[in-house]
């Protein structure tokens, strides 16, 4: 994660070049909007800019910590399902039946994406 993109469009290009997913830091995103410090207002500006170039992100809200990692994605086919399952797992306590079910579904979906699942 040592990239220094010149724009949000460059982040989109890097995401596309990496199969629809790319990791970056809040610091990188913050720098792209020309700010030295993070705040909720700056995070919202980042979110608007990411949306403008068609990028989605995890966590679902840009965090305030400049060294926090943000996963950018294009919601490409198959990836949307994986991301949805991960979100479901995060929303319920570990060990909860819904979390265990989502984890099993996630494992199967990842195999499908890698071409390892049988028909």
N, C-alpha and C. Protein backbone atom coordinates (compact mmCIF):
# COMPACT_ATOMS: atom_id res chain seq x y z
N UNK A 1 0.82 -1.18 0.00
CA UNK A 1 0.00 0.00 0.00
C UNK A 1 0.87 1.25 0.00
N UNK A 2 1.80 1.30 -0.89
CA UNK A 2 2.69 2.45 -0.96
C UNK A 2 2.34 3.34 -2.15
N UNK A 3 1.18 3.10 -2.74
CA UNK A 3 0.82 3.87 -3.91
C UNK A 3 0.60 5.33 -3.55
N UNK A 4 0.83 6.17 -4.51
CA UNK A 4 0.54 7.59 -4.35
C UNK A 4 -0.29 8.02 -5.55
N UNK A 5 -1.57 7.67 -5.54
CA UNK A 5 -2.41 8.01 -6.68
C UNK A 5 -2.58 9.52 -6.79
N UNK A 6 -2.76 9.96 -8.01
CA UNK A 6 -2.91 11.39 -8.24
C UNK A 6 -4.36 11.84 -8.20
N UNK A 7 -5.28 10.88 -8.20
CA UNK A 7 -6.70 11.23 -8.23
C UNK A 7 -7.55 10.02 -7.85
N UNK A 8 -8.81 10.27 -7.63
CA UNK A 8 -9.73 9.16 -7.37
C UNK A 8 -9.89 8.30 -8.62
N UNK A 9 -9.77 8.90 -9.78
CA UNK A 9 -9.82 8.13 -11.03
C UNK A 9 -8.64 7.16 -11.10
N UNK A 10 -7.48 7.59 -10.61
CA UNK A 10 -6.31 6.71 -10.58
C UNK A 10 -6.54 5.55 -9.61
N UNK A 11 -7.24 5.81 -8.51
CA UNK A 11 -7.60 4.72 -7.59
C UNK A 11 -8.54 3.75 -8.26
N UNK A 12 -9.48 4.27 -9.05
CA UNK A 12 -10.40 3.39 -9.78
C UNK A 12 -9.61 2.52 -10.75
N UNK A 13 -8.67 3.12 -11.46
CA UNK A 13 -7.85 2.36 -12.42
C UNK A 13 -7.05 1.27 -11.71
N UNK A 14 -6.49 1.59 -10.54
CA UNK A 14 -5.73 0.59 -9.78
C UNK A 14 -6.65 -0.53 -9.32
N UNK A 15 -7.87 -0.19 -8.94
CA UNK A 15 -8.85 -1.19 -8.50
C UNK A 15 -9.23 -2.09 -9.67
N UNK A 16 -9.50 -1.50 -10.81
CA UNK A 16 -9.84 -2.28 -12.01
C UNK A 16 -8.69 -3.20 -12.40
N UNK A 17 -7.45 -2.69 -12.32
CA UNK A 17 -6.28 -3.48 -12.71
C UNK A 17 -6.05 -4.64 -11.76
N UNK A 18 -6.61 -4.56 -10.56
CA UNK A 18 -6.42 -5.61 -9.56
C UNK A 18 -7.66 -6.50 -9.43
N UNK A 19 -8.43 -6.62 -10.49
CA UNK A 19 -9.58 -7.51 -10.48
C UNK A 19 -10.78 -6.99 -9.72
N UNK A 20 -10.86 -5.69 -9.52
CA UNK A 20 -12.03 -5.10 -8.87
C UNK A 20 -11.90 -4.90 -7.38
N UNK A 21 -10.69 -5.05 -6.85
CA UNK A 21 -10.48 -4.84 -5.41
C UNK A 21 -9.10 -4.24 -5.19
N UNK A 22 -9.00 -3.33 -4.22
CA UNK A 22 -7.73 -2.64 -3.97
C UNK A 22 -7.72 -2.13 -2.54
N UNK A 23 -6.59 -2.24 -1.88
CA UNK A 23 -6.46 -1.73 -0.51
C UNK A 23 -5.69 -0.42 -0.53
N UNK A 24 -6.10 0.49 0.34
CA UNK A 24 -5.40 1.76 0.49
C UNK A 24 -5.56 2.20 1.94
N UNK A 25 -4.98 3.32 2.29
CA UNK A 25 -5.13 3.83 3.65
C UNK A 25 -5.99 5.08 3.66
N UNK A 26 -6.50 5.38 4.82
CA UNK A 26 -7.27 6.62 4.99
C UNK A 26 -6.37 7.81 4.68
N UNK A 27 -5.11 7.72 5.05
CA UNK A 27 -4.17 8.82 4.78
C UNK A 27 -4.12 9.13 3.28
N UNK A 28 -4.04 8.09 2.45
CA UNK A 28 -4.00 8.29 1.00
C UNK A 28 -5.28 8.98 0.53
N UNK A 29 -6.41 8.52 1.01
CA UNK A 29 -7.70 9.11 0.62
C UNK A 29 -7.80 10.55 1.11
N UNK A 30 -7.37 10.78 2.33
CA UNK A 30 -7.40 12.13 2.90
C UNK A 30 -6.54 13.09 2.08
N UNK A 31 -5.37 12.61 1.68
CA UNK A 31 -4.48 13.45 0.87
C UNK A 31 -5.10 13.81 -0.47
N UNK A 32 -5.89 12.89 -1.03
CA UNK A 32 -6.53 13.16 -2.32
C UNK A 32 -7.56 14.28 -2.26
N UNK A 33 -8.11 14.53 -1.08
CA UNK A 33 -9.04 15.66 -0.95
C UNK A 33 -8.33 16.89 -0.39
N UNK A 34 -6.99 16.81 -0.30
CA UNK A 34 -6.18 17.97 0.08
C UNK A 34 -6.28 18.38 1.53
N UNK A 35 -6.45 17.40 2.41
CA UNK A 35 -6.59 17.72 3.83
C UNK A 35 -5.44 17.11 4.62
N UNK A 36 -5.10 17.76 5.74
CA UNK A 36 -4.01 17.29 6.60
C UNK A 36 -4.54 16.50 7.79
N UNK A 37 -5.82 16.65 8.11
CA UNK A 37 -6.41 15.95 9.26
C UNK A 37 -7.75 15.35 8.86
N UNK A 38 -8.09 14.27 9.54
CA UNK A 38 -9.38 13.62 9.29
C UNK A 38 -10.45 14.16 10.22
N UNK A 39 -11.66 14.15 9.71
CA UNK A 39 -12.85 14.45 10.49
C UNK A 39 -14.01 13.74 9.80
N UNK A 40 -15.15 13.71 10.41
CA UNK A 40 -16.32 13.07 9.77
C UNK A 40 -16.66 13.80 8.47
N UNK A 41 -16.52 15.12 8.45
CA UNK A 41 -16.79 15.89 7.22
C UNK A 41 -15.83 15.50 6.09
N UNK A 42 -14.57 15.30 6.42
CA UNK A 42 -13.58 14.89 5.41
C UNK A 42 -13.90 13.48 4.94
N UNK A 43 -14.27 12.61 5.85
CA UNK A 43 -14.64 11.24 5.47
C UNK A 43 -15.82 11.27 4.51
N UNK A 44 -16.78 12.13 4.75
CA UNK A 44 -17.93 12.24 3.84
C UNK A 44 -17.51 12.74 2.46
N UNK A 45 -16.56 13.68 2.41
CA UNK A 45 -16.05 14.15 1.11
C UNK A 45 -15.36 13.01 0.36
N UNK A 46 -14.60 12.21 1.10
CA UNK A 46 -13.93 11.05 0.49
C UNK A 46 -14.98 10.10 -0.08
N UNK A 47 -16.01 9.81 0.70
CA UNK A 47 -17.06 8.90 0.27
C UNK A 47 -17.75 9.40 -1.00
N UNK A 48 -18.01 10.69 -1.08
CA UNK A 48 -18.63 11.28 -2.28
C UNK A 48 -17.72 11.10 -3.49
N UNK A 49 -16.42 11.35 -3.30
CA UNK A 49 -15.46 11.20 -4.39
C UNK A 49 -15.33 9.75 -4.84
N UNK A 50 -15.33 8.81 -3.89
CA UNK A 50 -15.26 7.40 -4.27
C UNK A 50 -16.52 6.99 -5.04
N UNK A 51 -17.68 7.42 -4.55
CA UNK A 51 -18.94 7.12 -5.24
C UNK A 51 -18.91 7.69 -6.67
N UNK A 52 -18.34 8.87 -6.84
CA UNK A 52 -18.31 9.52 -8.15
C UNK A 52 -17.54 8.72 -9.19
N UNK A 53 -16.54 7.94 -8.76
CA UNK A 53 -15.78 7.12 -9.71
C UNK A 53 -16.22 5.66 -9.68
N UNK A 54 -17.35 5.40 -9.01
CA UNK A 54 -17.91 4.05 -9.01
C UNK A 54 -17.24 3.07 -8.08
N UNK A 55 -16.60 3.58 -7.04
CA UNK A 55 -15.94 2.69 -6.08
C UNK A 55 -16.77 2.58 -4.81
N UNK A 56 -16.87 1.35 -4.33
CA UNK A 56 -17.48 1.08 -3.03
C UNK A 56 -16.33 0.80 -2.07
N UNK A 57 -16.62 0.72 -0.80
CA UNK A 57 -15.54 0.60 0.17
C UNK A 57 -15.99 -0.13 1.43
N UNK A 58 -15.03 -0.76 2.05
CA UNK A 58 -15.19 -1.40 3.36
C UNK A 58 -14.10 -0.86 4.26
N UNK A 59 -14.39 -0.50 5.47
CA UNK A 59 -15.69 -0.58 6.11
C UNK A 59 -16.70 0.35 5.43
N UNK A 60 -17.98 0.16 5.75
CA UNK A 60 -19.02 0.92 5.06
C UNK A 60 -19.00 2.42 5.32
N UNK A 61 -18.23 2.86 6.30
CA UNK A 61 -18.01 4.27 6.55
C UNK A 61 -16.51 4.48 6.66
N UNK A 62 -15.97 5.48 5.98
CA UNK A 62 -14.53 5.74 6.02
C UNK A 62 -14.15 6.05 7.47
N UNK A 63 -13.18 5.31 8.03
CA UNK A 63 -12.78 5.55 9.43
C UNK A 63 -11.97 6.84 9.59
N UNK A 64 -11.80 7.26 10.84
CA UNK A 64 -11.06 8.49 11.14
C UNK A 64 -9.56 8.29 11.27
N UNK A 65 -9.11 7.07 11.53
CA UNK A 65 -7.68 6.82 11.72
C UNK A 65 -6.93 6.85 10.41
N UNK A 66 -5.94 7.71 10.28
CA UNK A 66 -5.25 7.89 9.01
C UNK A 66 -4.49 6.64 8.56
N UNK A 67 -4.14 5.76 9.49
CA UNK A 67 -3.43 4.53 9.12
C UNK A 67 -4.37 3.35 8.93
N UNK A 68 -5.67 3.56 9.11
CA UNK A 68 -6.64 2.49 8.90
C UNK A 68 -6.68 2.10 7.42
N UNK A 69 -6.91 0.83 7.18
CA UNK A 69 -6.98 0.31 5.82
C UNK A 69 -8.42 0.37 5.33
N UNK A 70 -8.57 0.76 4.08
CA UNK A 70 -9.87 0.78 3.42
C UNK A 70 -9.75 -0.13 2.20
N UNK A 71 -10.72 -1.03 2.05
CA UNK A 71 -10.75 -1.91 0.90
C UNK A 71 -11.72 -1.31 -0.12
N UNK A 72 -11.19 -0.97 -1.27
CA UNK A 72 -12.00 -0.42 -2.35
C UNK A 72 -12.41 -1.56 -3.26
N UNK A 73 -13.62 -1.48 -3.80
CA UNK A 73 -14.06 -2.52 -4.73
C UNK A 73 -15.07 -1.95 -5.71
N UNK A 74 -15.22 -2.65 -6.81
CA UNK A 74 -16.13 -2.19 -7.86
C UNK A 74 -17.44 -2.94 -7.85
N UNK A 75 -17.61 -3.82 -6.87
CA UNK A 75 -18.82 -4.63 -6.79
C UNK A 75 -18.96 -5.50 -8.03
N UNK A 76 -17.82 -5.98 -8.52
CA UNK A 76 -17.80 -6.84 -9.70
C UNK A 76 -18.60 -8.11 -9.43
N UNK A 77 -18.99 -8.78 -10.49
CA UNK A 77 -19.78 -10.01 -10.38
C UNK A 77 -19.11 -10.99 -9.42
N UNK A 78 -19.87 -11.51 -8.50
CA UNK A 78 -19.34 -12.45 -7.52
C UNK A 78 -18.77 -11.76 -6.30
N UNK A 79 -18.05 -10.69 -6.51
CA UNK A 79 -17.46 -9.97 -5.40
C UNK A 79 -18.55 -9.34 -4.53
N UNK A 80 -19.62 -8.90 -5.14
CA UNK A 80 -20.71 -8.29 -4.38
C UNK A 80 -21.27 -9.28 -3.37
N UNK A 81 -21.42 -10.53 -3.77
CA UNK A 81 -21.93 -11.54 -2.86
C UNK A 81 -20.98 -11.79 -1.70
N UNK A 82 -19.69 -11.85 -1.99
CA UNK A 82 -18.69 -12.06 -0.95
C UNK A 82 -18.73 -10.90 0.05
N UNK A 83 -18.76 -9.70 -0.46
CA UNK A 83 -18.77 -8.53 0.40
C UNK A 83 -20.04 -8.49 1.25
N UNK A 84 -21.16 -8.83 0.65
CA UNK A 84 -22.41 -8.89 1.41
C UNK A 84 -22.34 -9.90 2.54
N UNK A 85 -21.74 -11.05 2.28
CA UNK A 85 -21.61 -12.07 3.33
C UNK A 85 -20.66 -11.61 4.44
N UNK A 86 -19.59 -10.96 4.07
CA UNK A 86 -18.66 -10.44 5.08
C UNK A 86 -19.38 -9.41 5.95
N UNK A 87 -20.14 -8.54 5.32
CA UNK A 87 -20.90 -7.54 6.10
C UNK A 87 -21.86 -8.22 7.06
N UNK A 88 -22.54 -9.27 6.61
CA UNK A 88 -23.47 -9.99 7.49
C UNK A 88 -22.73 -10.61 8.66
N UNK A 89 -21.54 -11.15 8.40
CA UNK A 89 -20.76 -11.76 9.48
C UNK A 89 -20.36 -10.72 10.52
N UNK A 90 -20.02 -9.53 10.08
CA UNK A 90 -19.58 -8.48 10.99
C UNK A 90 -20.74 -7.94 11.82
N UNK A 91 -21.93 -7.98 11.27
CA UNK A 91 -23.09 -7.38 11.93
C UNK A 91 -23.65 -8.22 13.07
N UNK A 92 -23.29 -9.49 13.17
CA UNK A 92 -23.83 -10.34 14.23
C UNK A 92 -22.67 -10.87 15.08
N UNK A 93 -22.93 -11.18 16.34
CA UNK A 93 -21.85 -11.67 17.22
C UNK A 93 -21.24 -12.98 16.72
N UNK A 94 -19.95 -13.14 16.96
CA UNK A 94 -19.26 -14.39 16.59
C UNK A 94 -19.96 -15.54 17.30
N UNK A 95 -20.10 -16.65 16.62
CA UNK A 95 -20.75 -17.81 17.18
C UNK A 95 -22.26 -17.82 16.99
N UNK A 96 -22.83 -16.68 16.67
CA UNK A 96 -24.26 -16.61 16.38
C UNK A 96 -24.54 -17.47 15.15
N UNK A 97 -25.66 -18.18 15.16
CA UNK A 97 -25.99 -19.09 14.06
C UNK A 97 -25.96 -18.38 12.71
N UNK A 98 -26.40 -17.14 12.66
CA UNK A 98 -26.40 -16.40 11.39
C UNK A 98 -24.97 -16.15 10.91
N UNK A 99 -24.06 -15.90 11.85
CA UNK A 99 -22.66 -15.68 11.49
C UNK A 99 -22.03 -16.96 10.96
N UNK A 100 -22.34 -18.08 11.61
CA UNK A 100 -21.80 -19.38 11.18
C UNK A 100 -22.32 -19.72 9.79
N UNK A 101 -23.60 -19.48 9.55
CA UNK A 101 -24.19 -19.74 8.23
C UNK A 101 -23.55 -18.86 7.18
N UNK A 102 -23.38 -17.58 7.50
CA UNK A 102 -22.75 -16.66 6.54
C UNK A 102 -21.32 -17.09 6.26
N UNK A 103 -20.59 -17.56 7.27
CA UNK A 103 -19.21 -18.01 7.07
C UNK A 103 -19.16 -19.20 6.13
N UNK A 104 -20.10 -20.13 6.28
CA UNK A 104 -20.14 -21.30 5.39
C UNK A 104 -20.45 -20.86 3.96
N UNK A 105 -21.39 -19.95 3.82
CA UNK A 105 -21.73 -19.44 2.48
C UNK A 105 -20.55 -18.70 1.88
N UNK A 106 -19.84 -17.95 2.70
CA UNK A 106 -18.67 -17.20 2.23
C UNK A 106 -17.60 -18.15 1.72
N UNK A 107 -17.34 -19.22 2.45
CA UNK A 107 -16.35 -20.21 2.01
C UNK A 107 -16.70 -20.78 0.65
N UNK A 108 -17.97 -21.10 0.45
CA UNK A 108 -18.41 -21.65 -0.83
C UNK A 108 -18.28 -20.60 -1.93
N UNK A 109 -18.68 -19.35 -1.66
CA UNK A 109 -18.61 -18.29 -2.67
C UNK A 109 -17.17 -18.03 -3.09
N UNK A 110 -16.24 -18.06 -2.13
CA UNK A 110 -14.83 -17.86 -2.46
C UNK A 110 -14.31 -18.99 -3.36
N UNK A 111 -14.76 -20.22 -3.11
CA UNK A 111 -14.38 -21.33 -3.98
C UNK A 111 -14.92 -21.12 -5.38
N UNK A 112 -16.14 -20.63 -5.48
CA UNK A 112 -16.73 -20.34 -6.80
C UNK A 112 -15.89 -19.31 -7.54
N UNK A 113 -15.51 -18.26 -6.85
CA UNK A 113 -14.70 -17.19 -7.48
C UNK A 113 -13.34 -17.72 -7.95
N UNK A 114 -12.79 -18.69 -7.20
CA UNK A 114 -11.49 -19.25 -7.58
C UNK A 114 -11.64 -20.39 -8.58
N UNK A 115 -12.88 -20.73 -8.93
CA UNK A 115 -13.12 -21.82 -9.88
C UNK A 115 -12.95 -23.20 -9.28
N UNK A 116 -13.05 -23.32 -7.95
CA UNK A 116 -12.82 -24.59 -7.28
C UNK A 116 -14.09 -25.32 -6.91
N UNK A 117 -15.24 -24.66 -7.02
CA UNK A 117 -16.50 -25.29 -6.60
C UNK A 117 -17.05 -26.17 -7.73
N UNK A 118 -17.53 -27.32 -7.35
CA UNK A 118 -18.15 -28.21 -8.32
C UNK A 118 -19.55 -27.75 -8.67
N UNK A 119 -20.10 -28.25 -9.74
CA UNK A 119 -21.43 -27.80 -10.13
C UNK A 119 -22.52 -28.56 -9.44
